[in-house]
Amino acid sequence: MFELDTDSFKRETFIIRLWRENTPEARWAGQIQHVRSGEKVVVQDLDTLLSKLRIFLDAERHAPEQNSRGLK
């Protein structure tokens, strides 16, 4: 059986909240919160949610290691 060595990976944790808006379109909206920094982004559709998540991950990939501030 193959086991992944997750200690060699940099990990990021997010809380993603999704809800359906109470509008005639009943579209999905949501919020992404980066656990380590506490930064939050509200989005109005799922495509934007995925785009913002990619932006968070790209920024973290290029950022130097920092002390954690955690959730706010």
C-alpha atoms as a PDB file:
ATOM      1  CA  MET A   1       0.000   0.000   0.000  1.00  0.00           C
ATOM      2  CA  PHE A   2       1.294   3.458  -0.921  1.00  0.00           C
ATOM      3  CA  GLU A   3       1.531   6.017   1.883  1.00  0.00           C
ATOM      4  CA  LEU A   4       1.921   9.713   1.232  1.00  0.00           C
ATOM      5  CA  ASP A   5       4.573  11.525   3.274  1.00  0.00           C
ATOM      6  CA  THR A   6       2.461  14.557   4.204  1.00  0.00           C
ATOM      7  CA  ASP A   7       5.209  15.974   6.442  1.00  0.00           C
ATOM      8  CA  SER A   8       7.020  17.104   3.303  1.00  0.00           C
ATOM      9  CA  PHE A   9       4.062  19.220   2.127  1.00  0.00           C
ATOM     10  CA  LYS A  10       3.194  22.763   3.077  1.00  0.00           C
ATOM     11  CA  ARG A  11      -0.412  22.777   4.235  1.00  0.00           C
ATOM     12  CA  GLU A  12      -2.980  25.523   4.361  1.00  0.00           C
ATOM     13  CA  THR A  13      -6.324  25.305   6.115  1.00  0.00           C
ATOM     14  CA  PHE A  14      -9.465  27.140   5.080  1.00  0.00           C
ATOM     15  CA  ILE A  15     -12.993  27.386   6.392  1.00  0.00           C
ATOM     16  CA  ILE A  16     -15.412  27.625   3.491  1.00  0.00           C
ATOM     17  CA  ARG A  17     -19.006  28.618   4.233  1.00  0.00           C
ATOM     18  CA  LEU A  18     -21.618  28.305   1.500  1.00  0.00           C
ATOM     19  CA  TRP A  19     -25.234  29.400   1.415  1.00  0.00           C
ATOM     20  CA  ARG A  20     -27.983  29.823  -1.126  1.00  0.00           C
ATOM     21  CA  GLU A  21     -29.225  33.369  -1.361  1.00  0.00           C
ATOM     22  CA  ASN A  22     -32.911  33.969  -0.853  1.00  0.00           C
ATOM     23  CA  THR A  23     -33.444  35.517  -4.290  1.00  0.00           C
ATOM     24  CA  PRO A  24     -35.381  34.385  -7.373  1.00  0.00           C
ATOM     25  CA  GLU A  25     -32.106  33.085  -8.857  1.00  0.00           C
ATOM     26  CA  ALA A  26     -31.295  31.191  -5.615  1.00  0.00           C
ATOM     27  CA  ARG A  27     -27.608  31.431  -6.457  1.00  0.00           C
ATOM     28  CA  TRP A  28     -24.810  30.221  -4.212  1.00  0.00           C
ATOM     29  CA  ALA A  29     -22.639  32.645  -2.265  1.00  0.00           C
ATOM     30  CA  GLY A  30     -19.973  32.026   0.297  1.00  0.00           C
ATOM     31  CA  GLN A  31     -17.024  33.059   2.408  1.00  0.00           C
ATOM     32  CA  ILE A  32     -13.467  31.743   2.496  1.00  0.00           C
ATOM     33  CA  GLN A  33     -11.446  32.189   5.676  1.00  0.00           C
ATOM     34  CA  HIS A  34      -7.746  31.378   5.768  1.00  0.00           C
ATOM     35  CA  VAL A  35      -7.265  29.847   9.210  1.00  0.00           C
ATOM     36  CA  ARG A  36      -3.641  30.880   9.800  1.00  0.00           C
ATOM     37  CA  SER A  37      -4.045  34.553   8.839  1.00  0.00           C
ATOM     38  CA  GLY A  38      -7.726  34.978   9.688  1.00  0.00           C
ATOM     39  CA  GLU A  39      -8.252  36.727   6.341  1.00  0.00           C
ATOM     40  CA  LYS A  40     -11.819  36.457   4.989  1.00  0.00           C
ATOM     41  CA  VAL A  41     -13.224  36.929   1.499  1.00  0.00           C
ATOM     42  CA  VAL A  42     -16.945  36.970   0.662  1.00  0.00           C
ATOM     43  CA  VAL A  43     -17.910  35.757  -2.813  1.00  0.00           C
ATOM     44  CA  GLN A  44     -21.144  35.920  -4.779  1.00  0.00           C
ATOM     45  CA  ASP A  45     -20.761  32.743  -6.858  1.00  0.00           C
ATOM     46  CA  LEU A  46     -18.882  29.464  -6.904  1.00  0.00           C
ATOM     47  CA  ASP A  47     -16.586  30.414  -9.802  1.00  0.00           C
ATOM     48  CA  THR A  48     -15.347  33.409  -7.817  1.00  0.00           C
ATOM     49  CA  LEU A  49     -14.919  31.221  -4.735  1.00  0.00           C
ATOM     50  CA  LEU A  50     -12.572  28.903  -6.644  1.00  0.00           C
ATOM     51  CA  SER A  51     -10.716  31.858  -8.151  1.00  0.00           C
ATOM     52  CA  LYS A  52     -10.160  33.457  -4.729  1.00  0.00           C
ATOM     53  CA  LEU A  53      -9.020  30.133  -3.291  1.00  0.00           C
ATOM     54  CA  ARG A  54      -6.402  29.876  -6.067  1.00  0.00           C
ATOM     55  CA  ILE A  55      -5.250  33.431  -5.267  1.00  0.00           C
ATOM     56  CA  PHE A  56      -4.854  32.535  -1.561  1.00  0.00           C
ATOM     57  CA  LEU A  57      -2.836  29.439  -2.450  1.00  0.00           C
ATOM     58  CA  ASP A  58      -0.598  31.240  -4.942  1.00  0.00           C
ATOM     59  CA  ALA A  59       0.098  33.998  -2.403  1.00  0.00           C
ATOM     60  CA  GLU A  60       0.932  31.445   0.292  1.00  0.00           C
ATOM     61  CA  ARG A  61       3.224  29.518  -2.052  1.00  0.00           C
ATOM     62  CA  HIS A  62       5.347  32.642  -2.585  1.00  0.00           C
ATOM     63  CA  ALA A  63       5.135  34.054   0.950  1.00  0.00           C
ATOM     64  CA  PRO A  64       7.936  33.565   3.485  1.00  0.00           C
ATOM     65  CA  GLU A  65       7.114  31.594   6.627  1.00  0.00           C
ATOM     66  CA  GLN A  66       5.488  33.802   9.279  1.00  0.00           C
ATOM     67  CA  ASN A  67       4.251  33.487  12.811  1.00  0.00           C
ATOM     68  CA  SER A  68       0.639  32.451  12.933  1.00  0.00           C
ATOM     69  CA  ARG A  69      -2.011  34.980  13.906  1.00  0.00           C
ATOM     70  CA  GLY A  70      -4.834  32.458  13.637  1.00  0.00           C
ATOM     71  CA  LEU A  71      -8.565  32.947  13.461  1.00  0.00           C
ATOM     72  CA  LYS A  72     -10.150  36.248  14.347  1.00  0.00           C
END
